[in-house]
Amino acid sequence: MTAVYPLLATVAAYLLGSLSFAVIVTRAMGMRDPRTYGSKNPGATNVLRSGSKVAAVVTLVLDAVKGWLPVALVAWFGKPYGMEEGTMAMVGLAAFLGHLWPVFFRFEGGKGVATALGVLLGVSGWLGLATAVTWVIIAFFFRYSSLASLVAAVFAPVYYLLADGVVWNADGRIAAAMAVMALLLAWRHKENIKRLLEGKESRLGSSKVVKAKGAKG
């Protein structure tokens, strides 16, 4: 019976991750579906191209929360049910995979940056903060959101392992889940990587605003 709880938690985390908040939020606000303009990616960065900072911020927060919540719940309440670090790794990865391939949205999801950050915050607030600061530093100096996301994703498991025994006790399964997320995030950014190498990637602040309000999503 003990093995059932981690399985149920993993399925629930995937279903939560499958809630594409970029689509849900823009529909609720009467805006265009973010899958129809810009990068066509259902994520906060593309929602920002609509011109609505509120919609973008709400999307960012909710996408992060769906990664954080299942990990945090397992960390807080999982031990009596046989759910510890291994289950934390499973539910975090499941939520991330749900965002990439959401069952509720024809398996057409986003790139997973905010959800991955949420997972890291669930593992440790300090780990999430260090990763977020890394993103901010790279974005500030280079003005590429994609590059900042890629660098932060690579450094997350490095931070986790380097701080083992100092800030937390690292678990190999959690580190492996972070590495898988970093690889998948890089794969989802393959077009961005190509544009970065060609010098064609859009810089932060240079995107054109899409007239999206008032249109059907």
N, C-alpha and C. Protein backbone atom coordinates (compact mmCIF):
# COMPACT_ATOMS: atom_id res chain seq x y z
N MET A 1 0.84 -1.21 0.00
CA MET A 1 0.00 0.00 0.00
C MET A 1 0.87 1.26 0.00
N THR A 2 2.05 1.18 0.63
CA THR A 2 2.92 2.35 0.73
C THR A 2 3.33 2.86 -0.65
N ALA A 3 3.53 1.94 -1.61
CA ALA A 3 3.97 2.34 -2.94
C ALA A 3 2.88 3.07 -3.71
N VAL A 4 1.63 2.92 -3.27
CA VAL A 4 0.51 3.55 -3.98
C VAL A 4 0.56 5.07 -3.81
N TYR A 5 0.91 5.54 -2.63
CA TYR A 5 0.89 6.97 -2.36
C TYR A 5 1.86 7.76 -3.25
N PRO A 6 3.11 7.32 -3.40
CA PRO A 6 4.00 8.04 -4.32
C PRO A 6 3.47 8.06 -5.76
N LEU A 7 2.86 6.96 -6.18
CA LEU A 7 2.30 6.90 -7.53
C LEU A 7 1.15 7.88 -7.69
N LEU A 8 0.24 7.90 -6.71
CA LEU A 8 -0.89 8.84 -6.78
C LEU A 8 -0.41 10.28 -6.74
N ALA A 9 0.60 10.54 -5.91
CA ALA A 9 1.14 11.90 -5.82
C ALA A 9 1.76 12.32 -7.14
N THR A 10 2.44 11.40 -7.80
CA THR A 10 3.09 11.70 -9.09
C THR A 10 2.05 12.00 -10.16
N VAL A 11 0.99 11.20 -10.21
CA VAL A 11 -0.08 11.42 -11.19
C VAL A 11 -0.76 12.77 -10.92
N ALA A 12 -1.03 13.06 -9.65
CA ALA A 12 -1.66 14.34 -9.29
C ALA A 12 -0.77 15.51 -9.68
N ALA A 13 0.54 15.36 -9.49
CA ALA A 13 1.48 16.43 -9.85
C ALA A 13 1.49 16.66 -11.36
N TYR A 14 1.44 15.57 -12.12
CA TYR A 14 1.39 15.72 -13.58
C TYR A 14 0.12 16.44 -14.02
N LEU A 15 -1.00 16.08 -13.42
CA LEU A 15 -2.27 16.72 -13.78
C LEU A 15 -2.25 18.20 -13.41
N LEU A 16 -1.68 18.52 -12.26
CA LEU A 16 -1.55 19.93 -11.87
C LEU A 16 -0.65 20.66 -12.85
N GLY A 17 0.46 20.03 -13.22
CA GLY A 17 1.37 20.63 -14.19
C GLY A 17 0.74 20.83 -15.55
N SER A 18 -0.28 20.04 -15.85
CA SER A 18 -0.95 20.11 -17.16
C SER A 18 -1.89 21.29 -17.29
N LEU A 19 -2.08 22.03 -16.19
CA LEU A 19 -2.89 23.25 -16.26
C LEU A 19 -2.05 24.34 -16.90
N SER A 20 -2.34 24.66 -18.15
CA SER A 20 -1.57 25.67 -18.89
C SER A 20 -2.11 27.05 -18.53
N PHE A 21 -1.50 27.67 -17.54
CA PHE A 21 -2.04 28.93 -17.03
C PHE A 21 -1.91 30.08 -18.01
N ALA A 22 -0.97 30.00 -18.95
CA ALA A 22 -0.89 31.05 -19.97
C ALA A 22 -2.18 31.09 -20.77
N VAL A 23 -2.70 29.93 -21.09
CA VAL A 23 -3.96 29.84 -21.84
C VAL A 23 -5.15 30.18 -20.94
N ILE A 24 -5.14 29.64 -19.73
CA ILE A 24 -6.26 29.85 -18.80
C ILE A 24 -6.38 31.33 -18.43
N VAL A 25 -5.28 31.96 -18.10
CA VAL A 25 -5.30 33.37 -17.67
C VAL A 25 -5.73 34.28 -18.81
N THR A 26 -5.18 34.07 -20.00
CA THR A 26 -5.54 34.94 -21.13
C THR A 26 -7.01 34.76 -21.52
N ARG A 27 -7.51 33.54 -21.43
CA ARG A 27 -8.93 33.33 -21.70
C ARG A 27 -9.78 34.06 -20.67
N ALA A 28 -9.41 33.96 -19.41
CA ALA A 28 -10.18 34.60 -18.34
C ALA A 28 -10.17 36.12 -18.47
N MET A 29 -9.09 36.66 -19.07
CA MET A 29 -8.97 38.10 -19.22
C MET A 29 -9.44 38.58 -20.60
N GLY A 30 -10.02 37.67 -21.39
CA GLY A 30 -10.56 38.05 -22.70
C GLY A 30 -9.50 38.41 -23.72
N MET A 31 -8.33 37.77 -23.61
CA MET A 31 -7.23 38.06 -24.52
C MET A 31 -7.03 36.92 -25.51
N ARG A 32 -6.18 37.17 -26.49
CA ARG A 32 -5.87 36.13 -27.48
C ARG A 32 -5.09 34.99 -26.86
N ASP A 33 -5.29 33.82 -27.43
CA ASP A 33 -4.54 32.64 -27.02
C ASP A 33 -3.06 32.86 -27.33
N PRO A 34 -2.16 32.75 -26.34
CA PRO A 34 -0.73 33.00 -26.60
C PRO A 34 -0.12 32.02 -27.58
N ARG A 35 -0.83 30.96 -27.89
CA ARG A 35 -0.32 29.99 -28.87
C ARG A 35 -0.55 30.46 -30.30
N THR A 36 -1.13 31.66 -30.46
CA THR A 36 -1.43 32.17 -31.80
C THR A 36 -0.58 33.38 -32.19
N TYR A 37 0.35 33.81 -31.34
CA TYR A 37 1.17 34.97 -31.68
C TYR A 37 2.57 34.83 -31.06
N GLY A 38 3.45 35.72 -31.45
CA GLY A 38 4.81 35.70 -30.91
C GLY A 38 5.51 34.38 -31.17
N SER A 39 6.06 33.81 -30.11
CA SER A 39 6.75 32.52 -30.22
C SER A 39 5.78 31.35 -30.23
N LYS A 40 4.49 31.67 -30.00
CA LYS A 40 3.43 30.65 -29.90
C LYS A 40 3.65 29.72 -28.71
N ASN A 41 4.46 30.15 -27.79
CA ASN A 41 4.73 29.37 -26.59
C ASN A 41 3.79 29.79 -25.47
N PRO A 42 3.05 28.84 -24.87
CA PRO A 42 2.15 29.19 -23.76
C PRO A 42 2.92 29.38 -22.46
N GLY A 43 3.57 30.52 -22.36
CA GLY A 43 4.34 30.83 -21.17
C GLY A 43 4.28 32.31 -20.87
N ALA A 44 4.80 32.71 -19.71
CA ALA A 44 4.69 34.10 -19.26
C ALA A 44 5.39 35.08 -20.20
N THR A 45 6.55 34.70 -20.74
CA THR A 45 7.29 35.60 -21.63
C THR A 45 6.48 35.94 -22.87
N ASN A 46 5.84 34.94 -23.44
CA ASN A 46 5.03 35.20 -24.64
C ASN A 46 3.76 35.97 -24.29
N VAL A 47 3.17 35.69 -23.13
CA VAL A 47 1.99 36.44 -22.70
C VAL A 47 2.35 37.92 -22.55
N LEU A 48 3.58 38.21 -22.12
CA LEU A 48 4.02 39.59 -21.99
C LEU A 48 3.98 40.32 -23.33
N ARG A 49 4.16 39.58 -24.41
CA ARG A 49 4.12 40.19 -25.75
C ARG A 49 2.73 40.72 -26.09
N SER A 50 1.72 40.30 -25.33
CA SER A 50 0.37 40.80 -25.57
C SER A 50 0.25 42.25 -25.11
N GLY A 51 1.20 42.69 -24.28
CA GLY A 51 1.15 44.05 -23.75
C GLY A 51 0.58 44.11 -22.35
N SER A 52 0.10 42.97 -21.83
CA SER A 52 -0.48 42.94 -20.49
C SER A 52 0.53 42.39 -19.49
N LYS A 53 1.13 43.28 -18.71
CA LYS A 53 2.09 42.85 -17.69
C LYS A 53 1.39 42.07 -16.58
N VAL A 54 0.14 42.45 -16.30
CA VAL A 54 -0.62 41.75 -15.25
C VAL A 54 -0.82 40.29 -15.63
N ALA A 55 -1.25 40.06 -16.86
CA ALA A 55 -1.47 38.68 -17.32
C ALA A 55 -0.17 37.88 -17.28
N ALA A 56 0.92 38.52 -17.66
CA ALA A 56 2.22 37.84 -17.67
C ALA A 56 2.66 37.48 -16.26
N VAL A 57 2.49 38.40 -15.32
CA VAL A 57 2.90 38.15 -13.93
C VAL A 57 2.04 37.06 -13.31
N VAL A 58 0.74 37.11 -13.53
CA VAL A 58 -0.16 36.09 -12.99
C VAL A 58 0.20 34.72 -13.55
N THR A 59 0.48 34.67 -14.86
CA THR A 59 0.88 33.41 -15.49
C THR A 59 2.18 32.89 -14.89
N LEU A 60 3.15 33.77 -14.72
CA LEU A 60 4.44 33.39 -14.15
C LEU A 60 4.27 32.80 -12.75
N VAL A 61 3.50 33.49 -11.92
CA VAL A 61 3.32 33.04 -10.54
C VAL A 61 2.61 31.69 -10.49
N LEU A 62 1.53 31.55 -11.26
CA LEU A 62 0.77 30.30 -11.23
C LEU A 62 1.56 29.13 -11.81
N ASP A 63 2.34 29.39 -12.86
CA ASP A 63 3.18 28.33 -13.42
C ASP A 63 4.24 27.89 -12.42
N ALA A 64 4.75 28.84 -11.63
CA ALA A 64 5.73 28.49 -10.60
C ALA A 64 5.07 27.73 -9.45
N VAL A 65 3.88 28.18 -9.07
CA VAL A 65 3.17 27.53 -7.96
C VAL A 65 2.87 26.06 -8.26
N LYS A 66 2.51 25.76 -9.51
CA LYS A 66 2.18 24.36 -9.82
C LYS A 66 3.41 23.46 -9.78
N GLY A 67 4.60 24.04 -9.88
CA GLY A 67 5.81 23.25 -9.69
C GLY A 67 6.18 23.15 -8.22
N TRP A 68 5.96 24.22 -7.48
CA TRP A 68 6.30 24.28 -6.06
C TRP A 68 5.38 23.44 -5.19
N LEU A 69 4.07 23.52 -5.43
CA LEU A 69 3.08 22.94 -4.53
C LEU A 69 3.25 21.43 -4.30
N PRO A 70 3.33 20.60 -5.34
CA PRO A 70 3.44 19.16 -5.07
C PRO A 70 4.71 18.78 -4.33
N VAL A 71 5.82 19.47 -4.64
CA VAL A 71 7.09 19.19 -3.95
C VAL A 71 6.99 19.60 -2.48
N ALA A 72 6.43 20.78 -2.25
CA ALA A 72 6.30 21.29 -0.88
C ALA A 72 5.37 20.41 -0.05
N LEU A 73 4.27 19.96 -0.64
CA LEU A 73 3.33 19.11 0.09
C LEU A 73 3.97 17.79 0.50
N VAL A 74 4.74 17.21 -0.41
CA VAL A 74 5.43 15.96 -0.07
C VAL A 74 6.46 16.21 1.04
N ALA A 75 7.20 17.32 0.94
CA ALA A 75 8.21 17.64 1.95
C ALA A 75 7.57 17.85 3.32
N TRP A 76 6.39 18.46 3.34
CA TRP A 76 5.74 18.78 4.61
C TRP A 76 4.98 17.60 5.22
N PHE A 77 4.26 16.87 4.36
CA PHE A 77 3.32 15.88 4.88
C PHE A 77 3.56 14.44 4.40
N GLY A 78 4.58 14.23 3.58
CA GLY A 78 4.73 12.93 2.93
C GLY A 78 5.32 11.81 3.76
N LYS A 79 6.15 12.13 4.73
CA LYS A 79 6.91 11.10 5.45
C LYS A 79 6.05 10.00 6.07
N PRO A 80 4.93 10.32 6.74
CA PRO A 80 4.10 9.26 7.32
C PRO A 80 3.52 8.30 6.28
N TYR A 81 3.50 8.73 5.02
CA TYR A 81 2.94 7.91 3.94
C TYR A 81 4.03 7.29 3.06
N GLY A 82 5.24 7.31 3.55
CA GLY A 82 6.34 6.71 2.80
C GLY A 82 6.82 7.57 1.64
N MET A 83 6.54 8.87 1.70
CA MET A 83 6.95 9.77 0.61
C MET A 83 8.00 10.74 1.13
N GLU A 84 9.23 10.56 0.66
CA GLU A 84 10.30 11.44 1.10
C GLU A 84 11.03 12.00 -0.14
N GLU A 85 12.36 12.01 -0.13
CA GLU A 85 13.10 12.67 -1.21
C GLU A 85 12.84 12.05 -2.58
N GLY A 86 12.72 10.74 -2.63
CA GLY A 86 12.46 10.09 -3.92
C GLY A 86 11.15 10.54 -4.53
N THR A 87 10.13 10.66 -3.68
CA THR A 87 8.82 11.13 -4.17
C THR A 87 8.88 12.60 -4.53
N MET A 88 9.65 13.38 -3.77
CA MET A 88 9.81 14.80 -4.13
C MET A 88 10.39 14.93 -5.54
N ALA A 89 11.37 14.10 -5.84
CA ALA A 89 11.96 14.12 -7.19
C ALA A 89 10.93 13.74 -8.24
N MET A 90 10.13 12.73 -7.94
CA MET A 90 9.13 12.25 -8.90
C MET A 90 8.05 13.28 -9.16
N VAL A 91 7.51 13.88 -8.09
CA VAL A 91 6.40 14.83 -8.29
C VAL A 91 6.89 16.11 -8.94
N GLY A 92 8.12 16.53 -8.59
CA GLY A 92 8.67 17.73 -9.23
C GLY A 92 8.85 17.52 -10.72
N LEU A 93 9.41 16.39 -11.09
CA LEU A 93 9.61 16.09 -12.51
C LEU A 93 8.27 15.91 -13.21
N ALA A 94 7.30 15.29 -12.52
CA ALA A 94 5.98 15.08 -13.12
C ALA A 94 5.27 16.40 -13.41
N ALA A 95 5.35 17.35 -12.46
CA ALA A 95 4.73 18.66 -12.68
C ALA A 95 5.38 19.36 -13.86
N PHE A 96 6.69 19.26 -13.95
CA PHE A 96 7.43 19.87 -15.06
C PHE A 96 7.03 19.23 -16.39
N LEU A 97 6.93 17.91 -16.42
CA LEU A 97 6.52 17.22 -17.65
C LEU A 97 5.08 17.57 -18.03
N GLY A 98 4.24 17.78 -17.01
CA GLY A 98 2.87 18.19 -17.29
C GLY A 98 2.82 19.52 -17.99
N HIS A 99 3.71 20.44 -17.59
CA HIS A 99 3.75 21.74 -18.26
C HIS A 99 4.23 21.61 -19.71
N LEU A 100 5.21 20.76 -19.92
CA LEU A 100 5.74 20.56 -21.28
C LEU A 100 4.74 19.85 -22.18
N TRP A 101 4.08 18.83 -21.63
CA TRP A 101 3.12 18.03 -22.41
C TRP A 101 1.82 17.90 -21.62
N PRO A 102 1.01 18.96 -21.59
CA PRO A 102 -0.22 18.97 -20.79
C PRO A 102 -1.34 18.12 -21.40
N VAL A 103 -1.84 17.20 -20.62
CA VAL A 103 -2.89 16.30 -21.10
C VAL A 103 -4.18 17.07 -21.42
N PHE A 104 -4.40 18.21 -20.76
CA PHE A 104 -5.63 18.99 -20.97
C PHE A 104 -5.55 19.90 -22.20
N PHE A 105 -4.38 20.04 -22.79
CA PHE A 105 -4.19 20.96 -23.91
C PHE A 105 -3.46 20.28 -25.07
N ARG A 106 -3.92 19.08 -25.39
CA ARG A 106 -3.42 18.32 -26.54
C ARG A 106 -1.89 18.13 -26.48
N PHE A 107 -1.35 18.07 -25.28
CA PHE A 107 0.08 17.82 -25.07
C PHE A 107 0.97 18.89 -25.73
N GLU A 108 0.40 20.10 -25.90
CA GLU A 108 1.16 21.22 -26.47
C GLU A 108 1.40 22.24 -25.36
N GLY A 109 2.58 22.15 -24.75
CA GLY A 109 2.86 22.99 -23.60
C GLY A 109 3.98 23.98 -23.81
N GLY A 110 4.43 24.57 -22.72
CA GLY A 110 5.46 25.59 -22.77
C GLY A 110 6.86 25.03 -22.58
N LYS A 111 7.77 25.92 -22.23
CA LYS A 111 9.18 25.53 -22.12
C LYS A 111 9.58 25.16 -20.70
N GLY A 112 8.77 25.53 -19.73
CA GLY A 112 8.96 25.02 -18.38
C GLY A 112 9.83 25.81 -17.44
N VAL A 113 10.21 27.02 -17.79
CA VAL A 113 11.15 27.78 -16.95
C VAL A 113 10.54 28.10 -15.58
N ALA A 114 9.34 28.68 -15.57
CA ALA A 114 8.71 29.06 -14.30
C ALA A 114 8.37 27.84 -13.46
N THR A 115 7.89 26.78 -14.11
CA THR A 115 7.55 25.57 -13.37
C THR A 115 8.78 24.91 -12.77
N ALA A 116 9.88 24.91 -13.52
CA ALA A 116 11.14 24.38 -12.99
C ALA A 116 11.60 25.18 -11.78
N LEU A 117 11.46 26.51 -11.85
CA LEU A 117 11.83 27.35 -10.71
C LEU A 117 10.96 27.01 -9.51
N GLY A 118 9.67 26.77 -9.75
CA GLY A 118 8.78 26.39 -8.66
C GLY A 118 9.22 25.09 -8.00
N VAL A 119 9.63 24.13 -8.81
CA VAL A 119 10.13 22.86 -8.27
C VAL A 119 11.34 23.10 -7.38
N LEU A 120 12.26 23.93 -7.83
CA LEU A 120 13.47 24.24 -7.05
C LEU A 120 13.11 24.92 -5.73
N LEU A 121 12.13 25.81 -5.77
CA LEU A 121 11.68 26.48 -4.54
C LEU A 121 11.06 25.48 -3.58
N GLY A 122 10.39 24.46 -4.13
CA GLY A 122 9.82 23.42 -3.28
C GLY A 122 10.90 22.59 -2.60
N VAL A 123 11.98 22.35 -3.30
CA VAL A 123 13.11 21.61 -2.73
C VAL A 123 13.77 22.44 -1.64
N SER A 124 14.04 23.70 -1.95
CA SER A 124 14.64 24.63 -0.98
C SER A 124 14.43 26.05 -1.46
N GLY A 125 13.97 26.89 -0.57
CA GLY A 125 13.81 28.29 -0.93
C GLY A 125 15.14 28.93 -1.31
N TRP A 126 16.20 28.53 -0.63
CA TRP A 126 17.53 29.07 -0.95
C TRP A 126 17.99 28.64 -2.34
N LEU A 127 17.70 27.40 -2.70
CA LEU A 127 18.08 26.90 -4.03
C LEU A 127 17.32 27.67 -5.11
N GLY A 128 16.01 27.86 -4.89
CA GLY A 128 15.22 28.62 -5.85
C GLY A 128 15.70 30.05 -5.97
N LEU A 129 16.05 30.65 -4.82
CA LEU A 129 16.54 32.03 -4.83
C LEU A 129 17.86 32.14 -5.58
N ALA A 130 18.78 31.23 -5.33
CA ALA A 130 20.08 31.26 -6.01
C ALA A 130 19.91 31.11 -7.52
N THR A 131 18.99 30.24 -7.92
CA THR A 131 18.75 30.03 -9.35
C THR A 131 18.10 31.26 -9.98
N ALA A 132 17.15 31.85 -9.26
CA ALA A 132 16.47 33.05 -9.76
C ALA A 132 17.46 34.21 -9.90
N VAL A 133 18.35 34.36 -8.93
CA VAL A 133 19.36 35.42 -8.98
C VAL A 133 20.29 35.21 -10.18
N THR A 134 20.62 33.95 -10.43
CA THR A 134 21.45 33.63 -11.61
C THR A 134 20.75 34.09 -12.88
N TRP A 135 19.46 33.81 -12.98
CA TRP A 135 18.68 34.24 -14.15
C TRP A 135 18.73 35.76 -14.30
N VAL A 136 18.51 36.46 -13.19
CA VAL A 136 18.48 37.93 -13.21
C VAL A 136 19.82 38.50 -13.66
N ILE A 137 20.90 37.95 -13.15
CA ILE A 137 22.24 38.45 -13.48
C ILE A 137 22.53 38.27 -14.98
N ILE A 138 22.25 37.08 -15.50
CA ILE A 138 22.51 36.82 -16.92
C ILE A 138 21.61 37.68 -17.79
N ALA A 139 20.33 37.79 -17.40
CA ALA A 139 19.39 38.59 -18.18
C ALA A 139 19.78 40.06 -18.16
N PHE A 140 20.27 40.55 -17.02
CA PHE A 140 20.64 41.96 -16.90
C PHE A 140 21.82 42.29 -17.80
N PHE A 141 22.82 41.43 -17.82
CA PHE A 141 24.04 41.74 -18.56
C PHE A 141 23.95 41.40 -20.05
N PHE A 142 23.19 40.37 -20.39
CA PHE A 142 23.15 39.93 -21.79
C PHE A 142 21.82 40.22 -22.49
N ARG A 143 20.75 40.49 -21.70
CA ARG A 143 19.44 40.87 -22.24
C ARG A 143 18.77 39.77 -23.06
N TYR A 144 19.11 38.53 -22.77
CA TYR A 144 18.47 37.40 -23.45
C TYR A 144 17.77 36.54 -22.40
N SER A 145 16.45 36.47 -22.46
CA SER A 145 15.70 35.64 -21.52
C SER A 145 16.05 34.17 -21.69
N SER A 146 16.17 33.73 -22.92
CA SER A 146 16.47 32.31 -23.19
C SER A 146 17.83 31.92 -22.64
N LEU A 147 18.83 32.76 -22.85
CA LEU A 147 20.17 32.47 -22.35
C LEU A 147 20.17 32.43 -20.82
N ALA A 148 19.47 33.36 -20.20
CA ALA A 148 19.38 33.38 -18.74
C ALA A 148 18.73 32.10 -18.22
N SER A 149 17.69 31.65 -18.90
CA SER A 149 17.00 30.43 -18.49
C SER A 149 17.90 29.21 -18.62
N LEU A 150 18.64 29.14 -19.70
CA LEU A 150 19.53 28.00 -19.94
C LEU A 150 20.65 27.95 -18.91
N VAL A 151 21.27 29.09 -18.64
CA VAL A 151 22.37 29.14 -17.67
C VAL A 151 21.85 28.79 -16.27
N ALA A 152 20.70 29.35 -15.89
CA ALA A 152 20.13 29.08 -14.57
C ALA A 152 19.79 27.60 -14.42
N ALA A 153 19.25 27.00 -15.48
CA ALA A 153 18.88 25.58 -15.42
C ALA A 153 20.11 24.70 -15.24
N VAL A 154 21.20 25.05 -15.89
CA VAL A 154 22.44 24.28 -15.77
C VAL A 154 23.04 24.41 -14.37
N PHE A 155 22.97 25.61 -13.81
CA PHE A 155 23.58 25.86 -12.51
C PHE A 155 22.77 25.30 -11.35
N ALA A 156 21.46 25.10 -11.53
CA ALA A 156 20.62 24.63 -10.42
C ALA A 156 21.12 23.33 -9.79
N PRO A 157 21.33 22.25 -10.57
CA PRO A 157 21.86 21.03 -9.94
C PRO A 157 23.28 21.20 -9.41
N VAL A 158 24.05 22.10 -10.01
CA VAL A 158 25.41 22.37 -9.52
C VAL A 158 25.34 23.00 -8.13
N TYR A 159 24.47 24.01 -7.96
CA TYR A 159 24.29 24.63 -6.65
C TYR A 159 23.84 23.58 -5.62
N TYR A 160 22.90 22.75 -6.05
CA TYR A 160 22.33 21.74 -5.14
C TYR A 160 23.41 20.80 -4.62
N LEU A 161 24.29 20.36 -5.48
CA LEU A 161 25.33 19.42 -5.09
C LEU A 161 26.46 20.11 -4.33
N LEU A 162 26.81 21.33 -4.73
CA LEU A 162 27.89 22.05 -4.06
C LEU A 162 27.55 22.39 -2.60
N ALA A 163 26.27 22.65 -2.35
CA ALA A 163 25.86 23.05 -0.99
C ALA A 163 25.50 21.85 -0.13
N ASP A 164 25.74 20.64 -0.62
CA ASP A 164 25.45 19.43 0.14
C ASP A 164 26.23 19.43 1.46
N GLY A 165 25.50 19.21 2.55
CA GLY A 165 26.13 19.18 3.87
C GLY A 165 26.34 20.54 4.48
N VAL A 166 26.06 21.59 3.73
CA VAL A 166 26.23 22.96 4.23
C VAL A 166 24.87 23.62 4.44
N VAL A 167 24.07 23.68 3.37
CA VAL A 167 22.74 24.28 3.44
C VAL A 167 21.66 23.21 3.54
N TRP A 168 21.88 22.08 2.91
CA TRP A 168 20.95 20.95 2.92
C TRP A 168 21.75 19.66 2.70
N ASN A 169 21.06 18.54 2.86
CA ASN A 169 21.65 17.25 2.55
C ASN A 169 21.13 16.82 1.18
N ALA A 170 21.98 16.86 0.20
CA ALA A 170 21.57 16.58 -1.18
C ALA A 170 21.18 15.11 -1.34
N ASP A 171 20.20 14.87 -2.19
CA ASP A 171 19.75 13.53 -2.52
C ASP A 171 19.99 13.29 -4.01
N GLY A 172 20.58 12.17 -4.35
CA GLY A 172 20.92 11.89 -5.74
C GLY A 172 19.73 11.87 -6.67
N ARG A 173 18.58 11.41 -6.16
CA ARG A 173 17.37 11.35 -7.00
C ARG A 173 16.86 12.75 -7.33
N ILE A 174 16.93 13.65 -6.37
CA ILE A 174 16.52 15.03 -6.63
C ILE A 174 17.48 15.69 -7.60
N ALA A 175 18.78 15.45 -7.41
CA ALA A 175 19.78 16.01 -8.32
C ALA A 175 19.56 15.49 -9.74
N ALA A 176 19.23 14.20 -9.86
CA ALA A 176 18.98 13.61 -11.18
C ALA A 176 17.75 14.24 -11.83
N ALA A 177 16.70 14.48 -11.03
CA ALA A 177 15.49 15.12 -11.57
C ALA A 177 15.80 16.52 -12.08
N MET A 178 16.65 17.25 -11.34
CA MET A 178 17.04 18.60 -11.78
C MET A 178 17.83 18.53 -13.09
N ALA A 179 18.71 17.55 -13.20
CA ALA A 179 19.50 17.40 -14.42
C ALA A 179 18.61 17.08 -15.61
N VAL A 180 17.61 16.22 -15.40
CA VAL A 180 16.67 15.89 -16.48
C VAL A 180 15.88 17.13 -16.90
N MET A 181 15.44 17.91 -15.92
CA MET A 181 14.71 19.14 -16.24
C MET A 181 15.58 20.10 -17.03
N ALA A 182 16.85 20.20 -16.65
CA ALA A 182 17.77 21.10 -17.36
C ALA A 182 17.94 20.65 -18.81
N LEU A 183 18.07 19.34 -19.02
CA LEU A 183 18.23 18.81 -20.38
C LEU A 183 16.97 19.06 -21.21
N LEU A 184 15.81 18.80 -20.62
CA LEU A 184 14.55 19.01 -21.34
C LEU A 184 14.32 20.49 -21.62
N LEU A 185 14.70 21.33 -20.67
CA LEU A 185 14.54 22.77 -20.88
C LEU A 185 15.44 23.24 -22.03
N ALA A 186 16.65 22.70 -22.09
CA ALA A 186 17.55 23.04 -23.20
C ALA A 186 16.97 22.56 -24.51
N TRP A 187 16.39 21.37 -24.52
CA TRP A 187 15.78 20.83 -25.74
C TRP A 187 14.61 21.70 -26.19
N ARG A 188 13.80 22.15 -25.25
CA ARG A 188 12.67 23.01 -25.60
C ARG A 188 13.13 24.38 -26.10
N HIS A 189 14.35 24.74 -25.78
CA HIS A 189 14.91 26.02 -26.23
C HIS A 189 15.81 25.86 -27.45
N LYS A 190 15.71 24.75 -28.15
CA LYS A 190 16.64 24.50 -29.26
C LYS A 190 16.57 25.56 -30.33
N GLU A 191 15.38 26.08 -30.62
CA GLU A 191 15.26 27.15 -31.62
C GLU A 191 15.90 28.44 -31.10
N ASN A 192 15.74 28.70 -29.81
CA ASN A 192 16.37 29.88 -29.20
C ASN A 192 17.89 29.76 -29.26
N ILE A 193 18.39 28.55 -28.99
CA ILE A 193 19.83 28.32 -29.04
C ILE A 193 20.36 28.58 -30.45
N LYS A 194 19.61 28.11 -31.43
CA LYS A 194 20.01 28.32 -32.83
C LYS A 194 20.07 29.81 -33.15
N ARG A 195 19.04 30.56 -32.69
CA ARG A 195 19.02 32.01 -32.96
C ARG A 195 20.12 32.73 -32.19
N LEU A 196 20.43 32.26 -30.98
CA LEU A 196 21.53 32.85 -30.22
C LEU A 196 22.85 32.69 -30.96
N LEU A 197 23.09 31.51 -31.51
CA LEU A 197 24.32 31.24 -32.24
C LEU A 197 24.40 32.06 -33.52
N GLU A 198 23.23 32.35 -34.11
CA GLU A 198 23.18 33.13 -35.35
C GLU A 198 23.10 34.63 -35.08
N GLY A 199 22.97 35.01 -33.82
CA GLY A 199 22.85 36.42 -33.47
C GLY A 199 21.50 37.01 -33.81
N LYS A 200 20.47 36.17 -33.87
CA LYS A 200 19.14 36.62 -34.27
C LYS A 200 18.11 36.58 -33.13
N GLU A 201 18.54 36.18 -31.96
CA GLU A 201 17.61 36.06 -30.83
C GLU A 201 17.17 37.44 -30.37
N SER A 202 15.87 37.57 -30.06
CA SER A 202 15.33 38.86 -29.58
C SER A 202 15.82 39.13 -28.16
N ARG A 203 16.19 40.38 -27.92
CA ARG A 203 16.61 40.77 -26.58
C ARG A 203 15.41 41.19 -25.75
N LEU A 204 15.57 41.13 -24.46
CA LEU A 204 14.51 41.57 -23.56
C LEU A 204 14.19 43.04 -23.80
N GLY A 205 12.90 43.33 -23.89
CA GLY A 205 12.48 44.71 -24.11
C GLY A 205 12.34 45.10 -25.56
N SER A 206 12.72 44.18 -26.49
CA SER A 206 12.68 44.53 -27.90
C SER A 206 11.48 43.93 -28.63
N SER A 207 10.67 43.12 -27.92
CA SER A 207 9.54 42.46 -28.57
C SER A 207 8.43 43.45 -28.86
N LYS A 208 7.77 43.26 -29.97
CA LYS A 208 6.65 44.11 -30.34
C LYS A 208 5.40 43.67 -29.59
N VAL A 209 4.61 44.65 -29.21
CA VAL A 209 3.38 44.36 -28.48
C VAL A 209 2.32 43.86 -29.45
N VAL A 210 1.62 42.82 -29.04
CA VAL A 210 0.54 42.24 -29.85
C VAL A 210 -0.77 42.78 -29.36
N LYS A 211 -1.61 43.22 -30.26
CA LYS A 211 -2.94 43.70 -29.88
C LYS A 211 -3.81 42.47 -29.62
N ALA A 212 -3.86 42.09 -28.35
CA ALA A 212 -4.52 40.83 -28.00
C ALA A 212 -5.79 41.02 -27.17
N LYS A 213 -5.97 42.16 -26.55
CA LYS A 213 -7.14 42.34 -25.70
C LYS A 213 -8.41 42.43 -26.55
N GLY A 214 -9.42 41.82 -25.95
CA GLY A 214 -10.70 41.91 -26.62
C GLY A 214 -10.92 40.85 -27.68
N ALA A 215 -9.90 40.07 -28.01
CA ALA A 215 -10.07 39.02 -28.99
C ALA A 215 -10.35 37.70 -28.32
N LYS A 216 -10.97 36.79 -29.01
CA LYS A 216 -11.29 35.48 -28.45
C LYS A 216 -10.04 34.64 -28.37
N GLY A 217 -9.90 33.84 -27.26
CA GLY A 217 -8.73 33.01 -27.05
C GLY A 217 -8.91 31.62 -27.55
